[in-house]
Structure formats: C-alpha cells, structure tokens
Amino acid sequence: MREVIVTIPAAATVSAAVPLDQYIAPFSVTYKASAGTVQVTYDDPFTSSITGTYVAPSLTWITAPTTTPNATGFLGQPFKAIRLSGTAGDTLTVIQAGIK
C-alpha cells in the first residue's frame, strides 16, 4: 500500500486505526512514529452487524514490537490494525508490502 500517515487530532490521545491486510504472505509492515506508542491488534477493525445497526468495534490493543520514537519498526506477524497512542500532533507512518 502507499504510505499512510495518521495524526492524533487535537484533544485526543489516539490516532485513527490503519487496517492491515493479514492475508498477504509474507506479512511485512514497516512503521515510524514521531512520538508516542505504536499499538497493534489481532481484532477485526471492521464492524459486523446482522441487524444493520452500527456497532463500534471493541478492540484489544497491545504495544507493537520495537516501538521507540523516531525509530523504524517492523511487523512480521499478521496483525489486523495499527494505531498511535500519544498526544495531539504525533504522527505515525505505515507502509505494508504487497499492496498497490
């Protein structure tokens, strides 16, 4: 995929979640944060509802491996989404290999 850059908005503590394609093999994602903590989840970031009523997904977030500000990280196992936790203005850049 093209690089995706998300920023934590004013008065917030987390960025929007960036969905990842866990079916691409080999799974390869690189990321870089300006500050804050990069988090990943194995939970599905897309909501599903039989009744058609929107239900916000409840995700369990864990700290991504090798997360240090101003360092590039690498994910080799198939997570479903990635986000940044920190303060307003912090940015996260994500690139997943294998997607155009």
Protein backbone atom coordinates (compact mmCIF):
# COMPACT_ATOMS: atom_id res chain seq x y z
CA MET A 1 0.00 0.00 0.00
CA ARG A 2 1.06 3.57 -0.36
CA GLU A 3 2.32 5.03 2.84
CA VAL A 4 -0.44 6.03 5.21
CA ILE A 5 0.19 8.87 7.63
CA VAL A 6 -2.17 9.37 10.57
CA THR A 7 -2.01 12.15 13.13
CA ILE A 8 -3.52 12.28 16.58
CA PRO A 9 -6.14 15.05 16.40
CA ALA A 10 -6.45 17.91 18.90
CA ALA A 11 -7.91 16.89 22.27
CA ALA A 12 -7.40 13.18 21.52
CA THR A 13 -4.94 10.56 22.76
CA VAL A 14 -5.04 8.05 19.87
CA SER A 15 -4.96 8.21 16.08
CA ALA A 16 -7.37 6.52 13.73
CA ALA A 17 -6.69 2.81 13.24
CA VAL A 18 -4.98 1.80 9.98
CA PRO A 19 -6.37 -1.56 8.77
CA LEU A 20 -3.75 -4.06 7.59
CA ASP A 21 -4.22 -6.96 5.18
CA GLN A 22 -3.35 -10.04 7.23
CA TYR A 23 -3.79 -12.37 4.24
CA ILE A 24 -0.73 -11.17 2.32
CA ALA A 25 2.16 -13.60 2.64
CA PRO A 26 4.76 -12.85 3.67
CA PHE A 27 3.24 -10.25 6.01
CA SER A 28 5.55 -7.23 6.05
CA VAL A 29 4.72 -3.84 7.59
CA THR A 30 7.10 -1.03 8.48
CA TYR A 31 6.18 1.96 10.58
CA LYS A 32 7.70 5.08 12.08
CA ALA A 33 6.28 7.26 14.84
CA SER A 34 7.28 10.84 15.59
CA ALA A 35 6.49 10.24 19.28
CA GLY A 36 4.08 8.20 21.38
CA THR A 37 3.48 4.46 21.45
CA VAL A 38 2.59 2.35 18.42
CA GLN A 39 -0.15 -0.19 19.12
CA VAL A 40 -1.41 -3.19 17.13
CA THR A 41 -4.40 -5.51 17.41
CA TYR A 42 -5.36 -9.02 16.35
CA ASP A 43 -9.04 -7.97 16.47
CA ASP A 44 -11.05 -7.14 13.35
CA PRO A 45 -11.25 -3.33 12.98
CA PHE A 46 -14.36 -3.60 10.81
CA THR A 47 -17.71 -3.81 12.48
CA SER A 48 -20.16 -6.55 11.62
CA SER A 49 -23.84 -6.41 12.34
CA ILE A 50 -26.62 -8.77 11.35
CA THR A 51 -29.33 -6.20 12.08
CA GLY A 52 -27.71 -3.43 10.06
CA THR A 53 -27.25 -1.24 13.14
CA TYR A 54 -23.76 0.21 13.54
CA VAL A 55 -21.84 -1.26 16.44
CA ALA A 56 -18.44 0.25 17.24
CA PRO A 57 -15.80 -2.49 17.35
CA SER A 58 -14.20 -3.27 20.69
CA LEU A 59 -10.51 -3.88 20.07
CA THR A 60 -7.73 -5.05 22.37
CA TRP A 61 -4.59 -3.04 21.64
CA ILE A 62 -1.06 -4.15 22.54
CA THR A 63 2.23 -2.30 22.25
CA ALA A 64 3.91 -3.04 18.92
CA PRO A 65 7.34 -4.68 18.95
CA THR A 66 10.36 -2.34 18.91
CA THR A 67 8.36 0.84 19.41
CA THR A 68 10.62 3.74 20.15
CA PRO A 69 10.02 7.29 18.99
CA ASN A 70 11.92 8.25 15.84
CA ALA A 71 12.84 4.63 15.09
CA THR A 72 11.52 2.44 12.31
CA GLY A 73 9.69 -0.69 13.43
CA PHE A 74 8.85 -3.88 11.58
CA LEU A 75 5.91 -6.25 11.96
CA GLY A 76 6.33 -9.78 10.64
CA GLN A 77 3.23 -11.39 12.13
CA PRO A 78 -0.26 -10.76 10.78
CA PHE A 79 -1.85 -8.04 12.88
CA LYS A 80 -5.17 -6.62 11.67
CA ALA A 81 -4.70 -2.92 12.50
CA ILE A 82 -2.16 -0.42 13.81
CA ARG A 83 -2.56 2.97 15.53
CA LEU A 84 -0.63 5.54 17.54
CA SER A 85 -1.25 6.44 21.17
CA GLY A 86 0.21 9.71 22.44
CA THR A 87 -0.59 13.40 22.34
CA ALA A 88 -2.19 15.67 19.75
CA GLY A 89 0.06 16.23 16.74
CA ASP A 90 2.03 12.96 17.00
CA THR A 91 2.21 11.17 13.63
CA LEU A 92 2.50 7.55 12.50
CA THR A 93 3.65 6.48 9.03
CA VAL A 94 2.72 2.93 7.92
CA ILE A 95 3.74 1.00 4.79
CA GLN A 96 2.61 -2.56 4.02
CA ALA A 97 4.45 -4.51 1.33
CA GLY A 98 2.46 -6.31 -1.32
CA ILE A 99 -0.42 -3.83 -1.76
CA LYS A 100 -0.58 -1.25 -4.55
